């Protein structure tokens, strides 16, 4: 699979027990211009989004766990993080990850705006890779069409 690295992608991992971060980065980085940021709680992620914004010239993908483990008494669960993230920026793509028992919330996550739901398995990174390429693929085509249109316009103007 050969792809140009022309689509800048921000990946936010909001998972207190992430074991797939390095593998995901090493799998995606040859194909995409990515930066990966990890947040232990949804509160930190939402604060980051509000502070830095979600620029439209980049693709933003949040990988959010359904459950979070924290020393704090209360932290947001994955569905709450999803709902707040979509309010802050409706353009952000959210992929939910969880254990088998969390997947009963998958329908609720989809109706709240999640792009996909993935179960923790040995293939979690591969499933995330496929979903991320599904998100970025149409955008790559849109970017190529815009580049083609600008080239045609430049040629038309120069004639």
N, C-alpha and C. Protein backbone atom coordinates (compact mmCIF):
# COMPACT_ATOMS: atom_id res chain seq x y z
N UNK A 1 0.85 -1.16 0.00
CA UNK A 1 0.00 0.00 0.00
C UNK A 1 0.90 1.24 0.00
N UNK A 2 0.83 2.04 -1.06
CA UNK A 2 1.63 3.25 -1.08
C UNK A 2 0.71 4.45 -1.04
N UNK A 3 0.98 5.30 -0.09
CA UNK A 3 0.19 6.52 0.07
C UNK A 3 1.15 7.67 0.32
N UNK A 4 0.78 8.84 -0.14
CA UNK A 4 1.55 10.01 0.23
C UNK A 4 1.18 10.39 1.65
N UNK A 5 2.09 11.08 2.29
CA UNK A 5 1.86 11.50 3.67
C UNK A 5 1.33 12.93 3.69
N UNK A 6 0.40 13.26 2.79
CA UNK A 6 -0.03 14.65 2.63
C UNK A 6 -1.18 15.07 3.54
N UNK A 7 -1.82 14.15 4.23
CA UNK A 7 -2.95 14.51 5.08
C UNK A 7 -2.47 14.57 6.53
N UNK A 8 -2.39 15.77 7.12
CA UNK A 8 -1.99 15.84 8.53
C UNK A 8 -3.12 15.32 9.42
N UNK A 9 -2.79 14.39 10.29
CA UNK A 9 -3.78 13.75 11.14
C UNK A 9 -3.35 13.85 12.60
N UNK A 10 -4.23 14.37 13.44
CA UNK A 10 -4.00 14.37 14.88
C UNK A 10 -4.80 13.21 15.47
N UNK A 11 -4.12 12.35 16.20
CA UNK A 11 -4.79 11.24 16.88
C UNK A 11 -4.66 11.48 18.37
N UNK A 12 -5.80 11.48 19.04
CA UNK A 12 -5.84 11.66 20.49
C UNK A 12 -6.29 10.35 21.11
N UNK A 13 -5.46 9.79 21.97
CA UNK A 13 -5.83 8.56 22.66
C UNK A 13 -6.25 8.93 24.06
N UNK A 14 -7.52 8.67 24.38
CA UNK A 14 -8.07 8.98 25.70
C UNK A 14 -8.37 7.64 26.36
N UNK A 15 -7.35 7.09 26.98
CA UNK A 15 -7.45 5.73 27.52
C UNK A 15 -6.41 5.57 28.62
N UNK A 16 -6.87 5.23 29.80
CA UNK A 16 -5.94 5.11 30.94
C UNK A 16 -5.12 3.83 30.89
N UNK A 17 -5.53 2.86 30.07
CA UNK A 17 -4.77 1.60 30.01
C UNK A 17 -4.34 1.27 28.58
N UNK A 18 -4.06 2.27 27.79
CA UNK A 18 -3.69 2.07 26.39
C UNK A 18 -2.44 1.21 26.28
N UNK A 19 -2.55 0.15 25.49
CA UNK A 19 -1.39 -0.70 25.22
C UNK A 19 -1.07 -0.69 23.74
N UNK A 20 -1.82 0.04 22.96
CA UNK A 20 -1.69 -0.01 21.50
C UNK A 20 -1.09 1.27 20.92
N UNK A 21 -0.73 2.22 21.75
CA UNK A 21 -0.28 3.53 21.26
C UNK A 21 0.94 3.42 20.34
N UNK A 22 1.99 2.76 20.79
CA UNK A 22 3.22 2.66 19.97
C UNK A 22 2.98 1.88 18.69
N UNK A 23 2.26 0.77 18.83
CA UNK A 23 1.99 -0.06 17.65
C UNK A 23 1.17 0.71 16.62
N UNK A 24 0.20 1.46 17.09
CA UNK A 24 -0.64 2.25 16.19
C UNK A 24 0.20 3.29 15.47
N UNK A 25 1.07 3.98 16.20
CA UNK A 25 1.92 5.00 15.60
C UNK A 25 2.85 4.38 14.56
N UNK A 26 3.51 3.28 14.92
CA UNK A 26 4.47 2.67 13.98
C UNK A 26 3.76 2.10 12.75
N UNK A 27 2.51 1.69 12.90
CA UNK A 27 1.75 1.17 11.76
C UNK A 27 1.30 2.29 10.84
N UNK A 28 0.87 3.42 11.40
CA UNK A 28 0.32 4.51 10.60
C UNK A 28 1.35 5.48 10.05
N UNK A 29 2.44 5.71 10.77
CA UNK A 29 3.38 6.77 10.40
C UNK A 29 4.00 6.61 9.01
N UNK A 30 4.21 5.40 8.48
CA UNK A 30 4.73 5.35 7.11
C UNK A 30 3.74 5.87 6.06
N UNK A 31 2.45 5.88 6.39
CA UNK A 31 1.42 6.24 5.42
C UNK A 31 0.82 7.62 5.63
N UNK A 32 0.82 8.09 6.86
CA UNK A 32 0.15 9.35 7.18
C UNK A 32 1.07 10.27 7.96
N UNK A 33 0.85 11.55 7.79
CA UNK A 33 1.56 12.56 8.57
C UNK A 33 0.80 12.71 9.90
N UNK A 34 1.17 11.92 10.91
CA UNK A 34 0.38 11.89 12.13
C UNK A 34 1.15 12.41 13.34
N UNK A 35 0.37 12.89 14.27
CA UNK A 35 0.89 13.16 15.61
C UNK A 35 -0.08 12.48 16.57
N UNK A 36 0.48 11.84 17.58
CA UNK A 36 -0.34 11.11 18.54
C UNK A 36 -0.14 11.74 19.91
N UNK A 37 -1.25 12.04 20.57
CA UNK A 37 -1.23 12.60 21.91
C UNK A 37 -2.08 11.72 22.80
N UNK A 38 -1.60 11.46 24.01
CA UNK A 38 -2.34 10.58 24.92
C UNK A 38 -2.81 11.37 26.13
N UNK A 39 -4.05 11.09 26.55
CA UNK A 39 -4.64 11.72 27.72
C UNK A 39 -5.16 10.62 28.64
N UNK A 40 -4.87 10.74 29.92
CA UNK A 40 -5.31 9.71 30.87
C UNK A 40 -6.77 9.86 31.26
N UNK A 41 -7.30 11.08 31.14
CA UNK A 41 -8.71 11.29 31.48
C UNK A 41 -9.38 12.14 30.40
N UNK A 42 -10.69 12.02 30.33
CA UNK A 42 -11.46 12.83 29.39
C UNK A 42 -11.40 14.30 29.71
N UNK A 43 -11.32 14.61 31.00
CA UNK A 43 -11.26 16.02 31.41
C UNK A 43 -10.03 16.70 30.81
N UNK A 44 -8.89 16.01 30.84
CA UNK A 44 -7.66 16.57 30.26
C UNK A 44 -7.79 16.73 28.75
N UNK A 45 -8.42 15.77 28.10
CA UNK A 45 -8.62 15.83 26.65
C UNK A 45 -9.53 17.00 26.27
N UNK A 46 -10.64 17.15 26.95
CA UNK A 46 -11.59 18.23 26.65
C UNK A 46 -10.93 19.59 26.90
N UNK A 47 -10.19 19.69 27.99
CA UNK A 47 -9.47 20.94 28.29
C UNK A 47 -8.49 21.26 27.17
N UNK A 48 -7.77 20.26 26.68
CA UNK A 48 -6.83 20.45 25.57
C UNK A 48 -7.57 20.93 24.31
N UNK A 49 -8.69 20.29 24.00
CA UNK A 49 -9.47 20.68 22.82
C UNK A 49 -9.93 22.13 22.91
N UNK A 50 -10.42 22.52 24.08
CA UNK A 50 -10.91 23.89 24.24
C UNK A 50 -9.76 24.89 24.15
N UNK A 51 -8.61 24.53 24.68
CA UNK A 51 -7.47 25.44 24.70
C UNK A 51 -6.82 25.57 23.31
N UNK A 52 -6.66 24.46 22.60
CA UNK A 52 -5.95 24.47 21.33
C UNK A 52 -6.85 24.49 20.10
N UNK A 53 -8.12 24.21 20.29
CA UNK A 53 -9.03 24.18 19.15
C UNK A 53 -8.84 22.94 18.30
N UNK A 54 -9.64 22.86 17.26
CA UNK A 54 -9.59 21.73 16.33
C UNK A 54 -9.54 22.32 14.92
N UNK A 55 -8.32 22.71 14.46
CA UNK A 55 -8.20 23.36 13.16
C UNK A 55 -8.74 22.50 12.02
N UNK A 56 -9.44 23.12 11.09
CA UNK A 56 -10.07 22.38 10.00
C UNK A 56 -9.07 21.87 8.97
N UNK A 57 -7.86 22.38 8.97
CA UNK A 57 -6.89 21.93 7.97
C UNK A 57 -6.23 20.60 8.35
N UNK A 58 -6.62 20.03 9.47
CA UNK A 58 -6.10 18.73 9.91
C UNK A 58 -7.28 17.79 10.16
N UNK A 59 -7.01 16.50 10.09
CA UNK A 59 -8.00 15.50 10.45
C UNK A 59 -7.79 15.20 11.93
N UNK A 60 -8.86 15.16 12.70
CA UNK A 60 -8.77 14.91 14.14
C UNK A 60 -9.54 13.64 14.47
N UNK A 61 -8.83 12.70 15.07
CA UNK A 61 -9.43 11.41 15.43
C UNK A 61 -9.14 11.15 16.90
N UNK A 62 -10.20 10.94 17.67
CA UNK A 62 -10.05 10.61 19.09
C UNK A 62 -10.39 9.14 19.28
N UNK A 63 -9.50 8.43 19.94
CA UNK A 63 -9.75 7.03 20.30
C UNK A 63 -10.04 7.05 21.79
N UNK A 64 -11.29 6.78 22.14
CA UNK A 64 -11.77 6.98 23.52
C UNK A 64 -12.22 5.65 24.12
N UNK A 65 -11.69 5.34 25.30
CA UNK A 65 -12.11 4.13 26.02
C UNK A 65 -13.45 4.38 26.69
N UNK A 66 -14.26 3.33 26.77
CA UNK A 66 -15.55 3.43 27.45
C UNK A 66 -15.35 3.67 28.95
N UNK A 67 -14.37 2.99 29.55
CA UNK A 67 -14.14 3.10 30.99
C UNK A 67 -12.74 3.65 31.25
N UNK A 68 -12.62 4.42 32.33
CA UNK A 68 -11.34 5.01 32.70
C UNK A 68 -11.04 4.71 34.16
N UNK A 69 -9.79 4.36 34.41
CA UNK A 69 -9.33 4.08 35.77
C UNK A 69 -8.53 5.30 36.22
N UNK A 70 -8.87 5.81 37.41
CA UNK A 70 -8.18 7.00 37.89
C UNK A 70 -8.14 7.00 39.41
N UNK A 71 -7.12 7.66 39.94
CA UNK A 71 -7.03 7.81 41.40
C UNK A 71 -8.05 8.84 41.89
N UNK A 72 -8.57 9.63 40.97
CA UNK A 72 -9.58 10.61 41.34
C UNK A 72 -10.89 9.90 41.63
N UNK A 73 -11.75 10.54 42.42
CA UNK A 73 -13.03 9.91 42.76
C UNK A 73 -13.92 9.75 41.54
N UNK A 74 -13.99 10.78 40.72
CA UNK A 74 -14.89 10.71 39.57
C UNK A 74 -14.17 11.23 38.33
N UNK A 75 -14.22 10.47 37.28
CA UNK A 75 -13.75 10.93 35.98
C UNK A 75 -14.85 10.61 34.96
N UNK A 76 -14.85 11.34 33.87
CA UNK A 76 -15.86 11.13 32.83
C UNK A 76 -15.72 9.73 32.25
N UNK A 77 -16.85 9.11 31.90
CA UNK A 77 -16.76 7.84 31.18
C UNK A 77 -16.70 8.14 29.68
N UNK A 78 -16.48 7.12 28.89
CA UNK A 78 -16.29 7.30 27.46
C UNK A 78 -17.44 7.96 26.74
N UNK A 79 -18.67 7.60 27.10
CA UNK A 79 -19.83 8.21 26.44
C UNK A 79 -19.93 9.69 26.76
N UNK A 80 -19.62 10.06 28.00
CA UNK A 80 -19.62 11.49 28.36
C UNK A 80 -18.55 12.24 27.58
N UNK A 81 -17.38 11.63 27.46
CA UNK A 81 -16.29 12.26 26.70
C UNK A 81 -16.71 12.45 25.24
N UNK A 82 -17.32 11.42 24.66
CA UNK A 82 -17.80 11.48 23.28
C UNK A 82 -18.79 12.63 23.10
N UNK A 83 -19.76 12.73 23.97
CA UNK A 83 -20.79 13.77 23.85
C UNK A 83 -20.20 15.16 23.98
N UNK A 84 -19.31 15.37 24.94
CA UNK A 84 -18.70 16.69 25.12
C UNK A 84 -17.77 17.02 23.95
N UNK A 85 -16.99 16.04 23.50
CA UNK A 85 -16.07 16.27 22.37
C UNK A 85 -16.85 16.67 21.12
N UNK A 86 -17.98 16.03 20.87
CA UNK A 86 -18.80 16.37 19.70
C UNK A 86 -19.44 17.75 19.84
N UNK A 87 -19.72 18.18 21.08
CA UNK A 87 -20.24 19.54 21.29
C UNK A 87 -19.14 20.57 21.06
N UNK A 88 -17.93 20.27 21.52
CA UNK A 88 -16.81 21.20 21.35
C UNK A 88 -16.45 21.30 19.86
N UNK A 89 -16.40 20.16 19.18
CA UNK A 89 -16.10 20.16 17.75
C UNK A 89 -16.84 19.02 17.06
N UNK A 90 -17.94 19.31 16.39
CA UNK A 90 -18.69 18.26 15.70
C UNK A 90 -17.88 17.55 14.62
N UNK A 91 -16.79 18.17 14.19
CA UNK A 91 -15.97 17.65 13.11
C UNK A 91 -15.01 16.55 13.56
N UNK A 92 -14.83 16.37 14.87
CA UNK A 92 -13.88 15.37 15.35
C UNK A 92 -14.46 13.97 15.15
N UNK A 93 -13.62 13.06 14.69
CA UNK A 93 -14.01 11.66 14.50
C UNK A 93 -13.64 10.89 15.76
N UNK A 94 -14.60 10.19 16.34
CA UNK A 94 -14.36 9.47 17.59
C UNK A 94 -14.56 7.98 17.37
N UNK A 95 -13.55 7.22 17.79
CA UNK A 95 -13.63 5.76 17.77
C UNK A 95 -13.61 5.31 19.23
N UNK A 96 -14.61 4.53 19.61
CA UNK A 96 -14.71 4.05 20.99
C UNK A 96 -14.06 2.67 21.10
N UNK A 97 -13.33 2.44 22.20
CA UNK A 97 -12.73 1.12 22.45
C UNK A 97 -13.14 0.64 23.83
N UNK A 98 -13.30 -0.67 23.97
CA UNK A 98 -13.68 -1.19 25.27
C UNK A 98 -13.65 -2.70 25.35
N UNK A 99 -13.93 -3.20 26.52
CA UNK A 99 -14.03 -4.64 26.77
C UNK A 99 -15.33 -5.16 26.18
N UNK A 100 -15.49 -6.46 26.15
CA UNK A 100 -16.70 -7.08 25.61
C UNK A 100 -17.95 -6.53 26.29
N UNK A 101 -17.91 -6.40 27.63
CA UNK A 101 -19.10 -5.92 28.35
C UNK A 101 -19.44 -4.46 28.05
N UNK A 102 -18.46 -3.69 27.56
CA UNK A 102 -18.71 -2.29 27.22
C UNK A 102 -19.46 -2.15 25.90
N UNK A 103 -19.38 -3.17 25.06
CA UNK A 103 -19.92 -3.05 23.72
C UNK A 103 -21.44 -2.94 23.68
N UNK A 104 -22.10 -3.23 24.80
CA UNK A 104 -23.55 -3.02 24.85
C UNK A 104 -23.89 -1.54 24.69
N UNK A 105 -22.90 -0.67 24.94
CA UNK A 105 -23.10 0.76 24.78
C UNK A 105 -22.76 1.23 23.36
N UNK A 106 -22.41 0.29 22.49
CA UNK A 106 -22.02 0.63 21.12
C UNK A 106 -23.08 1.37 20.34
N UNK A 107 -24.33 0.93 20.46
CA UNK A 107 -25.43 1.60 19.75
C UNK A 107 -25.59 3.03 20.26
N UNK A 108 -25.50 3.19 21.56
CA UNK A 108 -25.60 4.53 22.15
C UNK A 108 -24.44 5.40 21.67
N UNK A 109 -23.25 4.81 21.58
CA UNK A 109 -22.08 5.56 21.10
C UNK A 109 -22.28 5.99 19.65
N UNK A 110 -22.77 5.09 18.81
CA UNK A 110 -23.01 5.45 17.40
C UNK A 110 -24.04 6.56 17.29
N UNK A 111 -25.12 6.48 18.08
CA UNK A 111 -26.13 7.54 17.98
C UNK A 111 -25.63 8.86 18.56
N UNK A 112 -24.60 8.82 19.41
CA UNK A 112 -24.01 10.05 19.94
C UNK A 112 -22.95 10.61 18.99
N UNK A 113 -22.65 9.89 17.91
CA UNK A 113 -21.73 10.42 16.91
C UNK A 113 -20.42 9.68 16.76
N UNK A 114 -20.25 8.52 17.39
CA UNK A 114 -19.00 7.77 17.24
C UNK A 114 -18.90 7.22 15.82
N UNK A 115 -17.70 7.26 15.27
CA UNK A 115 -17.47 6.72 13.93
C UNK A 115 -17.45 5.20 13.96
N UNK A 116 -16.92 4.64 15.04
CA UNK A 116 -16.83 3.19 15.15
C UNK A 116 -16.62 2.75 16.58
N UNK A 117 -16.79 1.46 16.82
CA UNK A 117 -16.61 0.87 18.14
C UNK A 117 -15.72 -0.36 17.97
N UNK A 118 -14.67 -0.45 18.79
CA UNK A 118 -13.69 -1.54 18.70
C UNK A 118 -13.55 -2.20 20.06
N UNK A 119 -13.45 -3.54 20.05
CA UNK A 119 -13.26 -4.28 21.30
C UNK A 119 -11.77 -4.53 21.49
N UNK A 120 -11.30 -4.44 22.75
CA UNK A 120 -9.92 -4.77 23.05
C UNK A 120 -9.67 -6.24 22.71
N UNK A 121 -8.76 -6.50 21.78
CA UNK A 121 -8.33 -7.85 21.45
C UNK A 121 -6.87 -7.76 21.04
N UNK A 122 -6.35 -8.86 20.56
CA UNK A 122 -4.98 -8.84 20.04
C UNK A 122 -4.92 -8.05 18.73
N UNK A 123 -6.07 -7.83 18.12
CA UNK A 123 -6.13 -7.13 16.83
C UNK A 123 -6.62 -5.69 16.96
N UNK A 124 -6.61 -5.13 18.15
CA UNK A 124 -7.13 -3.77 18.35
C UNK A 124 -6.44 -2.77 17.42
N UNK A 125 -5.11 -2.83 17.34
CA UNK A 125 -4.37 -1.89 16.49
C UNK A 125 -4.78 -2.01 15.03
N UNK A 126 -4.95 -3.24 14.57
CA UNK A 126 -5.35 -3.46 13.18
C UNK A 126 -6.74 -2.90 12.92
N UNK A 127 -7.67 -3.13 13.84
CA UNK A 127 -9.03 -2.61 13.68
C UNK A 127 -9.02 -1.08 13.67
N UNK A 128 -8.22 -0.48 14.55
CA UNK A 128 -8.12 0.98 14.59
C UNK A 128 -7.50 1.50 13.29
N UNK A 129 -6.48 0.81 12.80
CA UNK A 129 -5.81 1.19 11.55
C UNK A 129 -6.83 1.24 10.40
N UNK A 130 -7.66 0.21 10.30
CA UNK A 130 -8.66 0.15 9.23
C UNK A 130 -9.66 1.30 9.36
N UNK A 131 -10.15 1.55 10.58
CA UNK A 131 -11.11 2.64 10.78
C UNK A 131 -10.49 4.00 10.47
N UNK A 132 -9.24 4.20 10.88
CA UNK A 132 -8.56 5.47 10.61
C UNK A 132 -8.40 5.68 9.11
N UNK A 133 -8.03 4.63 8.39
CA UNK A 133 -7.92 4.76 6.93
C UNK A 133 -9.27 5.02 6.28
N UNK A 134 -10.35 4.48 6.85
CA UNK A 134 -11.69 4.78 6.33
C UNK A 134 -12.04 6.25 6.54
N UNK A 135 -11.57 6.83 7.65
CA UNK A 135 -11.82 8.25 7.91
C UNK A 135 -11.00 9.11 6.96
N UNK A 136 -9.73 8.77 6.80
CA UNK A 136 -8.80 9.61 6.04
C UNK A 136 -8.95 9.40 4.54
N UNK A 137 -9.33 8.21 4.10
CA UNK A 137 -9.42 7.90 2.67
C UNK A 137 -10.23 8.88 1.86
N UNK A 138 -11.51 9.13 2.19
CA UNK A 138 -12.31 10.09 1.42
C UNK A 138 -11.73 11.51 1.46
N UNK A 139 -11.10 11.87 2.57
CA UNK A 139 -10.50 13.20 2.67
C UNK A 139 -9.32 13.32 1.74
N UNK A 140 -8.55 12.23 1.60
CA UNK A 140 -7.42 12.24 0.67
C UNK A 140 -7.93 12.48 -0.75
N UNK A 141 -9.04 11.83 -1.13
CA UNK A 141 -9.61 12.01 -2.46
C UNK A 141 -10.07 13.45 -2.64
N UNK A 142 -10.72 14.01 -1.62
CA UNK A 142 -11.20 15.39 -1.68
C UNK A 142 -10.02 16.34 -1.86
N UNK A 143 -8.92 16.09 -1.15
CA UNK A 143 -7.73 16.94 -1.27
C UNK A 143 -7.16 16.83 -2.69
N UNK A 144 -7.09 15.60 -3.23
CA UNK A 144 -6.57 15.43 -4.60
C UNK A 144 -7.45 16.15 -5.61
N UNK A 145 -8.77 16.11 -5.45
CA UNK A 145 -9.69 16.80 -6.36
C UNK A 145 -9.45 18.30 -6.29
N UNK A 146 -9.31 18.84 -5.07
CA UNK A 146 -9.05 20.28 -4.91
C UNK A 146 -7.72 20.66 -5.56
N UNK A 147 -6.69 19.81 -5.40
CA UNK A 147 -5.40 20.09 -6.03
C UNK A 147 -5.53 20.09 -7.55
N UNK A 148 -6.28 19.13 -8.08
CA UNK A 148 -6.50 19.04 -9.52
C UNK A 148 -7.23 20.28 -10.04
N UNK A 149 -8.26 20.71 -9.33
CA UNK A 149 -9.02 21.90 -9.73
C UNK A 149 -8.11 23.13 -9.73
N UNK A 150 -7.27 23.27 -8.71
CA UNK A 150 -6.37 24.44 -8.66
C UNK A 150 -5.36 24.40 -9.80
N UNK A 151 -4.88 23.22 -10.16
CA UNK A 151 -3.95 23.11 -11.29
C UNK A 151 -4.65 23.49 -12.59
N UNK A 152 -5.87 23.00 -12.79
CA UNK A 152 -6.64 23.33 -14.00
C UNK A 152 -6.89 24.83 -14.07
N UNK A 153 -7.25 25.44 -12.93
CA UNK A 153 -7.47 26.89 -12.91
C UNK A 153 -6.18 27.64 -13.25
N UNK A 154 -5.06 27.21 -12.71
CA UNK A 154 -3.78 27.86 -13.02
C UNK A 154 -3.47 27.75 -14.50
N UNK A 155 -3.71 26.56 -15.07
CA UNK A 155 -3.47 26.37 -16.51
C UNK A 155 -4.41 27.25 -17.34
N UNK A 156 -5.67 27.34 -16.93
CA UNK A 156 -6.64 28.16 -17.67
C UNK A 156 -6.27 29.63 -17.62
N UNK A 157 -5.78 30.08 -16.47
CA UNK A 157 -5.40 31.49 -16.33
C UNK A 157 -4.16 31.80 -17.17
N UNK A 158 -3.23 30.85 -17.24
CA UNK A 158 -1.98 31.10 -17.96
C UNK A 158 -2.16 31.06 -19.48
N UNK A 159 -3.27 30.53 -19.98
CA UNK A 159 -3.50 30.45 -21.44
C UNK A 159 -3.95 31.75 -22.00
